[in-house]
Protein backbone atom coordinates (compact mmCIF):
# COMPACT_ATOMS: atom_id res chain seq x y z
CA MET A 1 21.70 10.54 -78.16
CA LYS A 2 21.74 6.79 -77.28
CA THR A 3 22.47 5.02 -74.07
CA THR A 4 24.00 1.54 -73.94
CA HIS A 5 26.19 -0.47 -71.61
CA GLY A 6 29.67 -1.87 -72.21
CA LYS A 7 32.94 -3.00 -70.64
CA ILE A 8 36.28 -1.25 -70.59
CA HIS A 9 39.33 -3.10 -71.94
CA GLY A 10 42.29 -0.73 -71.48
CA ARG A 11 41.51 2.25 -73.73
CA THR A 12 38.74 0.39 -75.60
CA ILE A 13 35.02 0.24 -74.60
CA GLU A 14 33.28 -2.83 -75.87
CA LEU A 15 29.59 -1.98 -76.20
CA ASP A 16 26.77 -4.46 -75.52
CA ALA A 17 24.77 -3.17 -78.57
CA ASP A 18 25.40 -1.90 -82.05
CA LEU A 19 24.77 1.84 -82.19
CA GLY A 20 24.16 1.81 -85.87
CA LEU A 21 26.88 4.37 -86.60
CA ALA A 22 29.43 4.22 -89.38
CA ASP A 23 32.87 2.70 -88.61
CA GLY A 24 35.20 5.64 -87.87
CA GLN A 25 32.38 8.07 -86.94
CA GLN A 26 33.51 10.50 -84.30
CA VAL A 27 31.40 10.49 -81.18
CA GLU A 28 31.34 12.24 -77.80
CA VAL A 29 31.41 9.84 -74.87
CA HIS A 30 30.15 10.37 -71.33
CA VAL A 31 31.09 7.53 -69.03
CA THR A 32 29.24 6.58 -65.79
CA PRO A 33 30.57 3.60 -63.92
CA ILE A 34 27.92 0.95 -62.96
CA SER A 35 28.12 -0.56 -59.57
CA GLN A 36 29.39 -4.13 -59.69
CA THR A 37 27.26 -5.09 -56.64
CA GLU A 38 23.94 -4.40 -58.37
CA HIS A 39 21.95 -7.36 -59.63
CA TRP A 40 18.90 -7.62 -61.86
CA GLY A 41 15.85 -6.38 -59.97
CA ASP A 42 17.77 -4.13 -57.51
CA GLY A 43 16.19 -1.01 -59.06
CA LEU A 44 12.72 -2.45 -58.52
CA ARG A 45 13.47 -3.35 -54.92
CA ARG A 46 14.79 0.26 -54.32
CA CYS A 47 11.60 1.85 -55.63
CA ALA A 48 9.11 -0.69 -54.23
CA GLY A 49 7.90 1.63 -51.51
CA ALA A 50 7.84 4.78 -53.64
CA LEU A 51 4.00 5.15 -53.44
CA ALA A 52 3.68 4.02 -49.86
CA SER A 53 2.73 7.55 -48.70
CA GLU A 54 -0.02 7.77 -51.35
CA TRP A 55 -1.50 4.24 -50.99
CA THR A 56 -4.96 4.12 -49.66
CA GLU A 57 -7.25 1.51 -48.12
CA GLU A 58 -9.32 1.74 -51.46
CA ASP A 59 -6.21 0.58 -53.30
CA ASP A 60 -6.00 -2.48 -51.02
CA HIS A 61 -9.72 -3.25 -51.76
CA ILE A 62 -9.09 -2.93 -55.55
CA LEU A 63 -6.11 -5.34 -55.46
CA GLU A 64 -8.03 -7.80 -53.30
CA ALA A 65 -10.97 -7.72 -55.74
CA ILE A 66 -8.49 -8.41 -58.64
CA ARG A 67 -6.93 -11.28 -56.65
CA LEU A 68 -10.32 -12.87 -55.95
CA ASP A 69 -11.41 -12.43 -59.54
CA ARG A 70 -8.36 -14.25 -60.81
CA LYS A 71 -9.20 -17.25 -58.55
CA GLN A 72 -12.68 -17.61 -60.06
CA GLU A 73 -13.17 -20.76 -62.14
CA THR A 74 -13.81 -19.66 -65.71
CA ARG A 75 -13.75 -23.02 -67.47
CA GLN A 76 -17.11 -24.56 -68.34
CA GLU A 77 -17.70 -28.12 -67.42
CA ILE A 78 -18.30 -30.47 -70.39
CA ALA A 79 -21.45 -32.53 -70.23
CA ARG A 80 -20.92 -36.26 -70.79
């Protein structure tokens, strides 16, 4: 079973990807309309608070340590 997206043109569905099936191969089709108002990143925004109830103060400390570590200068100065 494969999932791909496409567009309907009358009785024809134009797929976004090649399914790798032979021309004329019979298939079973399940159609689920995609909301036209969704944009890239909407799914991420919907689930952004999914772990909010499980987030701890320790998680905040870990992320802060990572942020500070990234700001550390790692390049060595060249002596002239």
